[in-house]
């Protein structure tokens, strides 16, 4: 992409070689993990041998997806202050996660359903939890896969009319999706949680290192004077001082239309709620807390994750504003209208400034490889969470009535990883030309609306029962999906300047009746309401003895694995 824009083939070759180097290292780790994975605890939880700091680094790696690294840097580069709101939301989310993590770790074994089903009837609760886990993970996974195809094609410099290794842009996009899917299936099927965790650790170290190098170089370019950096970014953005103030992208005031102004502000609140409340309900985040030996290590994990994620999101300020100042709004949009290539473009620009073309090519190749590593690591975690839930919850406790052989359960988990991975590849190839960026926010909204009510009420409400869990999970899931389908994200949003559709459906198709793009403001309270009403309208008597056992277990760790 950027290398092609500058001309030399060396940039493409370096990027491709670094891709291959990372793949080679991770494949070696997976083969090692396969030789050391002997049972369900090894496959699902990495043998619970990871220390708090190790798991904290892996947690940070799980959380710092390509959307975080490339998407937020691009948002800041194009929208200034408003772009940083994503960073704030993602970081604040860890405070709630810290509150729940120790309780979850003590009360569960491998999955979220272990907590939910502890004092409930197993089959309906575990079935609902498995459906929620797979649904949230697949939506998140699909966004990552489609993004991977488009991104790697751009990073390798393959534009319409150009080729790389004989591949056109379209072919390269499909081949990238297939390659990413095949690798994630391999990591999960053969390496399980051990391989996935080490891939996350390596990716997190590379990502933090790359972001730190870029941030220091950007600050050095402006004499370590943030004011000069911000002033230059505002000047190059084309928006002037408005670039440094809120309202450029979110919560916009619409002159003459107070109704739309209110909707825009509510939409921002809705997005913030999903980001802040959704993290604690994301399946691939929850499963990671079972990889440590005890609750103290789980708490240490979150402390490390908060520190690393906080430092990373601070660095996105330098990356985003640096890209605006040194690359420029027009150049960023020309490469990718969504701004996802702002960070790689910045890497090339800052590398050229300090070390010439070779330095630009090297820094670009490294950042591109880190972006690729980020995608691979996150999709592997998502597939593992889904396959674990299907095997442990649905097969082990619903179909086999809680009495499966351990070897059977692990075999089903490996087969489930193959099925889910293949499905994700097929869906991503079909959707490769669609704008699926909204799927990440939707995944967070569903996690907050479906999983968080069930988790919190299971831990803290004595009266909560099976029907409440099931009603809360299904109510949160369905409401999130329906509201997004009826929102401007899917139909009816038109660019006022060009007249082009900004929705999933083309211009002329408009069936949206829900005015906001983010459903969290409605779907999250609705999920809690369904859970409460499902409980109160049920004549099922709560198991108070099991609730007391769960409380003791969650608060003290007594009896936890």
Protein backbone atom coordinates (compact mmCIF):
# COMPACT_ATOMS: atom_id res chain seq x y z
CA UNK A 1 0.00 0.00 0.00
CA UNK A 2 2.09 2.86 1.31
CA UNK A 3 5.20 1.32 -0.15
CA UNK A 4 3.52 1.13 -3.49
CA UNK A 5 2.57 4.73 -3.23
CA UNK A 6 6.24 5.61 -2.80
CA UNK A 7 7.36 3.32 -5.57
CA UNK A 8 9.95 0.80 -4.33
CA UNK A 9 9.15 -2.88 -4.23
CA UNK A 10 11.37 -3.26 -1.16
CA UNK A 11 8.60 -2.04 1.14
CA UNK A 12 6.21 -4.74 -0.04
CA UNK A 13 8.89 -7.42 0.17
CA UNK A 14 9.91 -6.42 3.70
CA UNK A 15 6.29 -6.39 4.84
CA UNK A 16 5.65 -9.82 3.34
CA UNK A 17 8.84 -11.26 4.87
CA UNK A 18 7.90 -9.95 8.32
CA UNK A 19 4.44 -11.49 7.91
CA UNK A 20 6.11 -14.82 7.17
CA UNK A 21 8.52 -14.46 10.11
CA UNK A 22 5.68 -13.93 12.57
CA UNK A 23 3.72 -16.83 11.11
CA UNK A 24 6.78 -19.08 11.41
CA UNK A 25 7.33 -18.17 15.06
CA UNK A 26 3.68 -18.69 16.01
CA UNK A 27 3.47 -22.01 14.18
CA UNK A 28 6.49 -23.18 16.14
CA UNK A 29 4.80 -22.13 19.39
CA UNK A 30 1.63 -23.98 18.37
CA UNK A 31 3.52 -27.22 17.70
CA UNK A 32 5.25 -26.90 21.08
CA UNK A 33 1.90 -26.26 22.78
CA UNK A 34 0.38 -29.29 21.02
CA UNK A 35 3.05 -31.51 22.51
CA UNK A 36 2.29 -30.13 25.98
CA UNK A 37 -1.54 -30.17 25.81
CA UNK A 38 -2.89 -33.34 27.37
CA UNK A 39 -6.37 -32.68 28.73
CA UNK A 40 -9.29 -30.30 29.04
CA UNK A 41 -7.56 -28.04 31.56
CA UNK A 42 -4.57 -27.65 29.23
CA UNK A 43 -6.73 -27.06 26.14
CA UNK A 44 -9.31 -24.71 27.70
CA UNK A 45 -7.20 -22.94 30.34
CA UNK A 46 -3.57 -23.51 29.39
CA UNK A 47 -3.10 -25.75 32.42
CA UNK A 48 -3.67 -22.71 34.69
CA UNK A 49 0.10 -22.21 34.72
CA UNK A 50 0.26 -18.60 33.53
CA UNK A 51 1.32 -16.00 36.07
CA UNK A 52 -0.61 -12.78 36.71
CA UNK A 53 1.80 -10.61 34.67
CA UNK A 54 1.86 -13.12 31.79
CA UNK A 55 -1.92 -13.32 31.66
CA UNK A 56 -2.17 -9.54 32.02
CA UNK A 57 0.00 -9.08 28.93
CA UNK A 58 -2.14 -11.64 27.09
CA UNK A 59 -5.31 -9.86 28.25
CA UNK A 60 -3.97 -6.59 26.91
CA UNK A 61 -3.18 -8.40 23.67
CA UNK A 62 -6.71 -9.78 23.50
CA UNK A 63 -8.15 -6.31 24.00
CA UNK A 64 -5.84 -4.33 21.72
CA UNK A 65 -7.32 -5.55 18.47
CA UNK A 66 -6.70 -4.18 15.01
CA UNK A 67 -9.70 -1.93 15.63
CA UNK A 68 -7.86 -0.46 18.61
CA UNK A 69 -4.47 -0.07 16.98
CA UNK A 70 -5.41 1.00 13.48
CA UNK A 71 -9.01 2.10 13.93
CA UNK A 72 -8.54 4.46 16.86
CA UNK A 73 -5.36 5.96 15.42
CA UNK A 74 -7.30 6.58 12.22
CA UNK A 75 -10.28 8.05 14.07
CA UNK A 76 -8.04 10.49 15.94
CA UNK A 77 -6.21 11.38 12.72
CA UNK A 78 -9.49 12.23 10.97
CA UNK A 79 -11.74 13.36 13.85
CA UNK A 80 -9.32 14.73 16.42
CA UNK A 81 -10.73 14.94 19.95
CA UNK A 82 -13.76 12.78 19.16
CA UNK A 83 -11.58 9.94 17.96
CA UNK A 84 -10.03 9.68 21.41
CA UNK A 85 -13.44 8.98 22.99
CA UNK A 86 -13.12 5.33 21.93
CA UNK A 87 -9.85 5.10 23.87
CA UNK A 88 -11.49 6.53 26.98
CA UNK A 89 -14.41 4.11 26.75
CA UNK A 90 -12.19 1.07 26.25
CA UNK A 91 -9.98 2.03 29.20
CA UNK A 92 -12.78 2.86 31.66
CA UNK A 93 -14.33 -0.52 30.87
CA UNK A 94 -11.53 -2.23 32.79
CA UNK A 95 -12.69 -0.70 36.07
CA UNK A 96 -15.91 -2.72 35.90
CA UNK A 97 -13.96 -5.76 34.77
CA UNK A 98 -11.67 -5.41 37.80
CA UNK A 99 -14.76 -5.43 40.04
CA UNK A 100 -16.10 -8.69 38.58
CA UNK A 101 -12.97 -10.60 37.61
CA UNK A 102 -12.08 -12.13 40.98
CA UNK A 103 -15.67 -13.22 41.58
CA UNK A 104 -15.87 -14.78 38.11
CA UNK A 105 -12.53 -16.55 38.48
CA UNK A 106 -13.50 -18.05 41.85
CA UNK A 107 -16.98 -19.13 40.80
CA UNK A 108 -16.19 -20.62 37.37
CA UNK A 109 -14.06 -23.29 35.78
CA UNK A 110 -13.67 -22.73 32.04
CA UNK A 111 -16.54 -20.57 30.74
CA UNK A 112 -19.09 -17.91 31.66
CA UNK A 113 -21.77 -20.61 31.85
CA UNK A 114 -19.96 -22.28 34.76
CA UNK A 115 -20.86 -19.22 36.83
CA UNK A 116 -24.39 -18.79 35.48
CA UNK A 117 -25.36 -22.44 35.84
CA UNK A 118 -23.91 -23.03 39.32
CA UNK A 119 -27.27 -22.59 41.09
CA UNK A 120 -29.60 -22.94 38.08
CA UNK A 121 -30.92 -25.77 35.93
CA UNK A 122 -28.01 -26.69 33.69
CA UNK A 123 -29.43 -27.40 30.18
CA UNK A 124 -31.36 -24.17 29.45
CA UNK A 125 -28.76 -21.90 31.04
CA UNK A 126 -25.76 -23.52 29.37
CA UNK A 127 -27.56 -23.61 26.01
CA UNK A 128 -28.38 -19.89 26.24
CA UNK A 129 -24.81 -19.07 27.33
CA UNK A 130 -23.34 -21.09 24.45
CA UNK A 131 -25.61 -19.34 21.92
CA UNK A 132 -24.65 -15.94 23.33
CA UNK A 133 -20.94 -16.77 23.30
CA UNK A 134 -20.97 -17.99 19.71
CA UNK A 135 -23.15 -15.10 18.49
CA UNK A 136 -21.04 -12.36 20.07
CA UNK A 137 -17.78 -14.03 19.01
CA UNK A 138 -18.85 -14.62 15.41
CA UNK A 139 -19.95 -10.99 14.93
CA UNK A 140 -16.64 -9.77 16.38
CA UNK A 141 -14.75 -12.40 14.38
CA UNK A 142 -16.42 -11.49 11.09
CA UNK A 143 -15.45 -7.84 11.47
CA UNK A 144 -11.82 -8.81 12.13
CA UNK A 145 -11.71 -11.20 9.16
CA UNK A 146 -13.20 -8.76 6.65
CA UNK A 147 -10.91 -6.06 7.98
CA UNK A 148 -7.92 -8.37 7.64
CA UNK A 149 -8.62 -8.98 3.97
CA UNK A 150 -8.92 -5.31 3.11
CA UNK A 151 -6.09 -4.21 5.37
CA UNK A 152 -3.43 -6.68 4.27
CA UNK A 153 -4.20 -5.98 0.62
CA UNK A 154 -3.59 -2.30 1.33
CA UNK A 155 -0.51 -2.94 3.45
CA UNK A 156 1.04 -4.94 0.61
CA UNK A 157 0.33 -2.08 -1.75
CA UNK A 158 -2.13 -3.93 -3.99
CA UNK A 159 -4.37 -1.32 -5.58
CA UNK A 160 -6.93 -1.83 -8.36
CA UNK A 161 -4.98 -2.54 -11.54
CA UNK A 162 -1.86 -3.63 -9.62
CA UNK A 163 -0.69 -7.09 -8.59
CA UNK A 164 1.55 -8.68 -5.97
CA UNK A 165 2.87 -12.23 -6.48
CA UNK A 166 0.46 -12.43 -9.40
CA UNK A 167 -2.58 -11.51 -7.27
CA UNK A 168 -4.96 -8.66 -7.94
CA UNK A 169 -6.42 -6.66 -5.05
CA UNK A 170 -9.61 -8.74 -4.98
CA UNK A 171 -7.78 -12.07 -5.10
CA UNK A 172 -5.33 -10.93 -2.42
CA UNK A 173 -8.23 -9.93 -0.18
CA UNK A 174 -9.85 -13.37 -0.48
CA UNK A 175 -6.53 -15.18 -0.04
CA UNK A 176 -5.77 -13.13 3.07
CA UNK A 177 -9.13 -14.02 4.62
CA UNK A 178 -8.52 -17.70 3.88
CA UNK A 179 -4.94 -17.56 5.23
CA UNK A 180 -5.97 -15.79 8.44
CA UNK A 181 -8.82 -18.27 8.91
CA UNK A 182 -6.59 -21.29 8.30
CA UNK A 183 -3.99 -20.03 10.74
CA UNK A 184 -6.49 -19.30 13.51
CA UNK A 185 -8.02 -22.78 13.07
CA UNK A 186 -4.54 -24.31 13.31
CA UNK A 187 -3.62 -22.33 16.43
CA UNK A 188 -6.80 -23.35 18.26
CA UNK A 189 -7.12 -26.96 17.08
CA UNK A 190 -3.54 -27.90 17.80
CA UNK A 191 -2.37 -25.45 20.44
CA UNK A 192 -5.47 -24.61 22.45
CA UNK A 193 -5.18 -21.97 25.15
CA UNK A 194 -1.43 -22.41 25.61
CA UNK A 195 -0.64 -21.51 22.01
CA UNK A 196 -3.26 -18.75 21.90
CA UNK A 197 -1.92 -17.16 25.09
CA UNK A 198 1.71 -17.13 23.93
CA UNK A 199 0.66 -15.72 20.56
CA UNK A 200 -1.18 -12.97 22.45
CA UNK A 201 1.83 -12.24 24.65
CA UNK A 202 4.20 -11.95 21.67
CA UNK A 203 1.72 -9.83 19.76
CA UNK A 204 1.16 -7.52 22.76
CA UNK A 205 4.91 -6.98 23.25
CA UNK A 206 5.36 -6.23 19.53
CA UNK A 207 2.36 -3.91 19.45
CA UNK A 208 3.37 -1.97 22.54
CA UNK A 209 6.95 -1.79 21.32
CA UNK A 210 5.93 -0.58 17.87
CA UNK A 211 3.52 2.00 19.27
CA UNK A 212 6.17 3.23 21.72
CA UNK A 213 8.79 3.65 18.98
CA UNK A 214 6.35 5.53 16.75
CA UNK A 215 5.17 7.75 19.61
CA UNK A 216 8.71 8.67 20.65
CA UNK A 217 9.69 9.44 17.06
CA UNK A 218 6.62 11.63 16.58
CA UNK A 219 7.32 13.54 19.78
CA UNK A 220 10.98 13.87 18.81
CA UNK A 221 9.93 15.26 15.43
CA UNK A 222 8.13 18.08 17.28
CA UNK A 223 10.83 18.63 19.87
CA UNK A 224 8.85 16.75 22.55
CA UNK A 225 6.40 19.66 22.63
CA UNK A 226 2.79 18.30 22.59
CA UNK A 227 1.41 21.79 21.95
CA UNK A 228 3.36 22.07 18.71
CA UNK A 229 2.17 18.60 17.68
CA UNK A 230 -1.50 19.44 18.35
CA UNK A 231 -1.27 22.79 16.57
CA UNK A 232 0.31 21.17 13.52
CA UNK A 233 -2.31 18.40 13.52
CA UNK A 234 -5.16 20.92 13.70
CA UNK A 235 -3.65 22.92 10.83
CA UNK A 236 -3.19 19.83 8.59
CA UNK A 237 -6.61 18.40 9.43
CA UNK A 238 -8.52 21.06 7.49
CA UNK A 239 -10.80 21.67 10.49
CA UNK A 240 -8.68 24.17 12.39
CA UNK A 241 -9.32 24.56 16.12
CA UNK A 242 -12.53 22.50 15.84
CA UNK A 243 -10.24 19.47 15.41
CA UNK A 244 -9.19 19.79 19.05
CA UNK A 245 -12.71 20.22 20.43
CA UNK A 246 -15.63 17.77 20.83
CA UNK A 247 -18.43 17.56 18.29
CA UNK A 248 -16.59 16.94 15.03
CA UNK A 249 -17.81 13.33 14.72
CA UNK A 250 -20.03 12.47 17.70
CA UNK A 251 -22.91 14.32 19.39
CA UNK A 252 -23.01 16.85 16.58
CA UNK A 253 -25.33 19.82 16.79
CA UNK A 254 -27.64 20.02 13.78
CA UNK A 255 -28.77 23.63 13.18
CA UNK A 256 -32.54 23.85 12.80
CA UNK A 257 -33.12 20.23 13.83
CA UNK A 258 -33.17 19.88 17.64
CA UNK A 259 -34.58 16.37 17.37
CA UNK A 260 -31.59 15.08 15.42
CA UNK A 261 -29.25 16.94 17.76
CA UNK A 262 -30.73 15.07 20.74
CA UNK A 263 -30.49 11.75 18.85
CA UNK A 264 -26.82 12.39 18.09
CA UNK A 265 -26.04 13.06 21.75
CA UNK A 266 -27.98 9.99 22.90
CA UNK A 267 -26.16 7.92 20.30
CA UNK A 268 -22.83 8.89 21.85
CA UNK A 269 -24.08 7.88 25.30
CA UNK A 270 -25.31 4.61 23.81
CA UNK A 271 -21.90 3.90 22.28
CA UNK A 272 -20.13 4.73 25.55
CA UNK A 273 -22.40 2.38 27.51
CA UNK A 274 -21.67 -0.49 25.13
CA UNK A 275 -17.90 0.05 25.27
CA UNK A 276 -17.76 0.43 29.05
CA UNK A 277 -20.22 -2.32 30.02
CA UNK A 278 -19.47 -4.74 27.19
CA UNK A 279 -15.90 -5.67 28.07
CA UNK A 280 -16.84 -7.61 31.21
CA UNK A 281 -19.23 -9.71 29.10
CA UNK A 282 -16.96 -10.49 26.14
CA UNK A 283 -16.52 -14.30 26.06
CA UNK A 284 -12.87 -14.30 24.96
CA UNK A 285 -12.00 -11.90 27.80
CA UNK A 286 -13.88 -13.98 30.40
CA UNK A 287 -12.22 -17.28 29.44
CA UNK A 288 -8.76 -15.77 29.84
CA UNK A 289 -9.26 -15.34 33.59
CA UNK A 290 -9.38 -19.10 34.02
CA UNK A 291 -5.79 -19.53 32.81
CA UNK A 292 -4.25 -18.38 36.10
CA UNK A 293 -3.85 -20.54 39.23
CA UNK A 294 -5.87 -18.43 41.66
CA UNK A 295 -7.97 -15.30 42.15
CA UNK A 296 -4.99 -13.25 43.30
CA UNK A 297 -3.26 -13.90 39.98
CA UNK A 298 -6.48 -13.00 38.17
CA UNK A 299 -6.56 -9.67 39.98
CA UNK A 300 -2.90 -9.10 39.13
CA UNK A 301 -3.77 -9.87 35.50
CA UNK A 302 -6.31 -7.06 35.39
CA UNK A 303 -3.91 -4.63 37.07
CA UNK A 304 -1.30 -5.37 34.41
CA UNK A 305 -3.89 -5.16 31.64
CA UNK A 306 -5.15 -1.79 32.88
CA UNK A 307 -1.61 -0.42 33.00
CA UNK A 308 -0.62 -1.70 29.56
CA UNK A 309 -3.89 -0.77 27.88
CA UNK A 310 -3.79 2.68 29.52
CA UNK A 311 -0.26 3.33 28.24
CA UNK A 312 -1.23 2.08 24.79
CA UNK A 313 -4.28 4.32 24.50
CA UNK A 314 -2.22 7.30 25.61
CA UNK A 315 0.15 6.48 22.76
CA UNK A 316 -2.73 6.48 20.28
CA UNK A 317 -2.92 10.25 20.88
CA UNK A 318 0.59 10.65 19.49
CA UNK A 319 -0.14 8.20 16.66
CA UNK A 320 -3.40 9.85 15.61
CA UNK A 321 -2.38 13.47 15.90
CA UNK A 322 1.05 12.60 14.48
CA UNK A 323 -0.56 11.06 11.40
CA UNK A 324 -2.74 14.13 10.95
CA UNK A 325 0.25 16.45 11.25
CA UNK A 326 2.82 14.50 9.19
CA UNK A 327 0.70 12.61 6.65
CA UNK A 328 -2.24 14.97 6.30
CA UNK A 329 -5.99 14.48 6.04
CA UNK A 330 -6.11 14.20 2.25
CA UNK A 331 -3.34 11.60 2.02
CA UNK A 332 -4.93 9.48 4.76
CA UNK A 333 -8.38 9.55 3.15
CA UNK A 334 -6.94 8.87 -0.31
CA UNK A 335 -5.39 5.65 1.02
CA UNK A 336 -8.42 4.54 3.04
CA UNK A 337 -11.52 6.71 3.68
CA UNK A 338 -11.98 5.17 7.14
CA UNK A 339 -8.43 6.10 8.15
CA UNK A 340 -7.38 2.55 9.03
CA UNK A 341 -4.00 2.98 7.36
CA UNK A 342 -3.08 6.20 9.17
CA UNK A 343 -0.64 4.44 11.54
CA UNK A 344 1.25 2.61 8.76
CA UNK A 345 1.37 5.82 6.71
CA UNK A 346 2.76 7.59 9.76
CA UNK A 347 5.38 4.87 10.18
CA UNK A 348 6.61 5.39 6.65
CA UNK A 349 6.59 9.18 6.92
CA UNK A 350 8.44 9.32 10.24
CA UNK A 351 10.90 6.64 9.16
CA UNK A 352 11.72 8.57 6.01
CA UNK A 353 12.21 11.75 8.01
CA UNK A 354 14.85 10.22 10.28
CA UNK A 355 16.49 7.55 8.11
CA UNK A 356 15.43 8.02 4.49
CA UNK A 357 13.56 5.58 2.23
CA UNK A 358 15.11 2.46 3.76
CA UNK A 359 14.11 3.58 7.26
CA UNK A 360 10.61 4.31 6.05
CA UNK A 361 10.33 0.87 4.44
CA UNK A 362 11.63 -0.91 7.54
CA UNK A 363 9.35 0.92 9.96
CA UNK A 364 6.36 0.46 7.66
CA UNK A 365 7.06 -3.26 7.31
CA UNK A 366 7.34 -3.69 11.07
CA UNK A 367 4.08 -1.83 11.83
CA UNK A 368 2.28 -3.71 9.04
CA UNK A 369 3.49 -7.04 10.46
CA UNK A 370 2.36 -5.99 13.95
CA UNK A 371 -1.09 -5.17 12.55
CA UNK A 372 -1.24 -8.61 10.94
CA UNK A 373 -0.12 -10.25 14.20
CA UNK A 374 -2.83 -8.31 16.02
CA UNK A 375 -5.53 -9.68 13.75
CA UNK A 376 -4.29 -13.27 14.00
CA UNK A 377 -4.08 -13.19 17.79
CA UNK A 378 -7.55 -11.70 18.33
CA UNK A 379 -9.37 -14.05 15.93
CA UNK A 380 -7.69 -17.05 17.57
CA UNK A 381 -8.97 -15.97 20.99
CA UNK A 382 -12.49 -15.55 19.62
CA UNK A 383 -12.55 -18.98 17.99
CA UNK A 384 -11.18 -20.60 21.16
CA UNK A 385 -13.89 -18.97 23.31
CA UNK A 386 -16.62 -20.19 20.96
CA UNK A 387 -15.30 -23.75 20.62
CA UNK A 388 -14.76 -24.02 24.38
CA UNK A 389 -18.35 -23.00 25.09
CA UNK A 390 -19.80 -25.37 22.51
CA UNK A 391 -17.74 -28.31 23.75
CA UNK A 392 -17.81 -27.70 27.50
CA UNK A 393 -21.27 -26.17 27.92
CA UNK A 394 -23.43 -27.58 25.15
CA UNK A 395 -21.81 -30.95 24.41
CA UNK A 396 -20.47 -31.71 27.88
CA UNK A 397 -23.33 -30.53 30.06
CA UNK A 398 -26.39 -30.53 27.79
CA UNK A 399 -25.91 -33.41 25.37
CA UNK A 400 -23.79 -35.58 27.68
CA UNK A 401 -25.61 -34.51 30.88
CA UNK A 402 -22.40 -33.36 32.55
CA UNK A 403 -20.66 -36.73 32.22
CA UNK A 404 -18.47 -36.60 29.10
CA UNK A 405 -15.05 -38.17 28.89
CA UNK A 406 -12.38 -35.48 28.91
CA UNK A 407 -10.95 -36.74 25.63
CA UNK A 408 -14.40 -36.52 24.03
CA UNK A 409 -14.89 -32.93 25.13
CA UNK A 410 -11.49 -31.81 23.83
CA UNK A 411 -12.10 -33.59 20.51
CA UNK A 412 -15.44 -31.79 20.16
CA UNK A 413 -13.75 -28.46 20.97
CA UNK A 414 -11.21 -29.03 18.19
CA UNK A 415 -13.94 -29.97 15.73
CA UNK A 416 -16.00 -26.92 16.80
CA UNK A 417 -12.97 -24.70 16.14
CA UNK A 418 -12.78 -26.12 12.61
CA UNK A 419 -16.51 -25.55 11.99
CA UNK A 420 -16.59 -22.02 13.44
CA UNK A 421 -13.39 -21.05 11.65
CA UNK A 422 -14.66 -22.37 8.33
CA UNK A 423 -17.98 -20.58 8.78
CA UNK A 424 -16.14 -17.34 9.55
CA UNK A 425 -14.02 -17.70 6.41
CA UNK A 426 -17.08 -18.27 4.21
CA UNK A 427 -19.04 -15.36 5.72
CA UNK A 428 -16.04 -13.03 5.52
CA UNK A 429 -15.45 -13.85 1.84
CA UNK A 430 -19.13 -13.19 1.11
CA UNK A 431 -19.08 -9.91 3.06
CA UNK A 432 -15.61 -8.78 1.96
CA UNK A 433 -16.91 -5.72 0.08
CA UNK A 434 -19.43 -4.63 2.72
CA UNK A 435 -18.88 -2.04 5.42
CA UNK A 436 -18.92 -4.21 8.53
CA UNK A 437 -17.16 -1.83 10.92
CA UNK A 438 -20.36 -1.58 13.00
CA UNK A 439 -20.01 -5.26 13.98
CA UNK A 440 -17.38 -4.51 16.64
CA UNK A 441 -19.64 -2.01 18.42
CA UNK A 442 -22.55 -4.45 18.01
CA UNK A 443 -20.52 -7.24 19.64
CA UNK A 444 -19.83 -5.01 22.65
CA UNK A 445 -23.51 -4.01 22.84
CA UNK A 446 -24.66 -7.64 22.75
CA UNK A 447 -22.12 -8.65 25.40
CA UNK A 448 -23.35 -5.84 27.65
CA UNK A 449 -27.06 -6.49 27.01
CA UNK A 450 -27.05 -10.30 27.14
CA UNK A 451 -24.12 -11.44 29.29
CA UNK A 452 -23.62 -8.68 31.85
CA UNK A 453 -27.16 -8.82 33.35
CA UNK A 454 -26.94 -12.59 33.73
CA UNK A 455 -23.47 -12.42 35.32
CA UNK A 456 -24.18 -9.64 37.82
CA UNK A 457 -27.59 -10.93 38.89
CA UNK A 458 -26.29 -14.49 39.26
CA UNK A 459 -23.59 -13.26 41.61
CA UNK A 460 -25.57 -10.72 43.64
CA UNK A 461 -29.34 -11.48 43.55
CA UNK A 462 -30.54 -14.34 45.75
CA UNK A 463 -33.96 -14.49 44.04
CA UNK A 464 -32.49 -14.86 40.52
CA UNK A 465 -33.45 -18.12 38.83
CA UNK A 466 -33.14 -20.13 35.63
CA UNK A 467 -35.91 -18.38 33.73
CA UNK A 468 -34.35 -15.02 34.58
CA UNK A 469 -30.98 -16.06 33.16
CA UNK A 470 -32.49 -17.38 29.95
CA UNK A 471 -34.82 -14.38 29.48
CA UNK A 472 -31.98 -11.92 30.13
CA UNK A 473 -29.58 -13.55 27.66
CA UNK A 474 -32.08 -14.00 24.83
CA UNK A 475 -33.73 -10.62 25.46
CA UNK A 476 -30.40 -8.80 25.31
CA UNK A 477 -29.25 -10.64 22.21
CA UNK A 478 -32.47 -10.29 20.23
CA UNK A 479 -33.04 -6.64 21.15
CA UNK A 480 -29.50 -5.69 20.10
CA UNK A 481 -29.81 -7.46 16.75
CA UNK A 482 -33.29 -6.12 15.99
CA UNK A 483 -32.43 -2.52 16.90
CA UNK A 484 -29.29 -2.55 14.75
CA UNK A 485 -31.22 -4.09 11.83
CA UNK A 486 -33.78 -1.29 12.09
CA UNK A 487 -31.13 1.44 12.53
CA UNK A 488 -29.35 3.74 10.03
CA UNK A 489 -26.39 1.36 10.15
CA UNK A 490 -28.28 -1.07 7.91
CA UNK A 491 -30.39 1.28 5.79
CA UNK A 492 -31.33 4.89 5.21
CA UNK A 493 -28.11 6.77 6.02
CA UNK A 494 -27.08 8.99 3.10
CA UNK A 495 -24.01 11.18 2.71
CA UNK A 496 -25.49 14.71 2.46
CA UNK A 497 -22.73 15.82 0.07
CA UNK A 498 -22.34 12.88 -2.34
CA UNK A 499 -25.71 11.20 -1.92
CA UNK A 500 -23.95 7.83 -1.51
CA UNK A 501 -25.21 5.29 0.97
CA UNK A 502 -23.37 5.11 4.30
CA UNK A 503 -25.41 2.10 5.37
CA UNK A 504 -25.09 -1.61 4.71
CA UNK A 505 -27.84 -1.45 2.06
CA UNK A 506 -27.53 0.78 -1.03
CA UNK A 507 -29.16 4.18 -1.42
CA UNK A 508 -32.89 3.96 -2.07
CA UNK A 509 -33.41 1.16 0.48
CA UNK A 510 -34.64 2.62 3.75
CA UNK A 511 -36.55 0.70 6.40
CA UNK A 512 -34.89 2.12 9.51
CA UNK A 513 -37.21 3.15 12.32
CA UNK A 514 -34.72 3.21 15.21
CA UNK A 515 -32.85 6.53 14.95
CA UNK A 516 -29.60 5.63 16.75
CA UNK A 517 -26.70 3.65 15.29
CA UNK A 518 -25.76 2.10 18.64
CA UNK A 519 -28.43 0.05 20.44
CA UNK A 520 -26.84 -0.10 23.91
CA UNK A 521 -28.88 2.68 25.50
CA UNK A 522 -32.04 0.64 24.88
CA UNK A 523 -30.84 -2.98 24.65
CA UNK A 524 -28.77 -2.99 27.87
CA UNK A 525 -31.63 -1.84 30.16
CA UNK A 526 -33.93 -4.17 28.20
CA UNK A 527 -31.61 -7.11 28.94
CA UNK A 528 -31.71 -6.32 32.66
CA UNK A 529 -35.49 -5.85 32.50
CA UNK A 530 -35.97 -9.23 30.81
CA UNK A 531 -33.81 -10.91 33.43
CA UNK A 532 -35.73 -9.32 36.31
CA UNK A 533 -39.19 -9.95 34.81
CA UNK A 534 -38.26 -13.51 33.86
CA UNK A 535 -37.35 -14.14 37.47
CA UNK A 536 -40.36 -12.43 39.06
CA UNK A 537 -42.87 -14.04 36.69
CA UNK A 538 -41.48 -17.52 37.30
CA UNK A 539 -42.83 -19.77 40.04
CA UNK A 540 -39.44 -21.48 40.31
CA UNK A 541 -38.05 -21.39 43.85
CA UNK A 542 -34.46 -20.17 44.06
CA UNK A 543 -31.86 -22.56 45.48
CA UNK A 544 -30.79 -20.43 48.45
CA UNK A 545 -28.26 -22.96 49.68
CA UNK A 546 -26.49 -22.97 46.33
CA UNK A 547 -26.61 -19.16 46.29
CA UNK A 548 -24.86 -19.08 49.67
CA UNK A 549 -22.28 -21.57 48.38
CA UNK A 550 -21.73 -19.45 45.27
CA UNK A 551 -21.32 -16.30 47.36
CA UNK A 552 -18.74 -17.92 49.63
CA UNK A 553 -16.92 -19.39 46.65
CA UNK A 554 -16.92 -16.10 44.71
CA UNK A 555 -15.82 -13.95 47.64
CA UNK A 556 -13.26 -16.26 49.27
CA UNK A 557 -12.14 -18.67 46.58
CA UNK A 558 -13.07 -21.65 48.75
CA UNK A 559 -13.70 -24.60 46.45
CA UNK A 560 -12.58 -22.77 43.31
CA UNK A 561 -10.41 -24.57 40.77
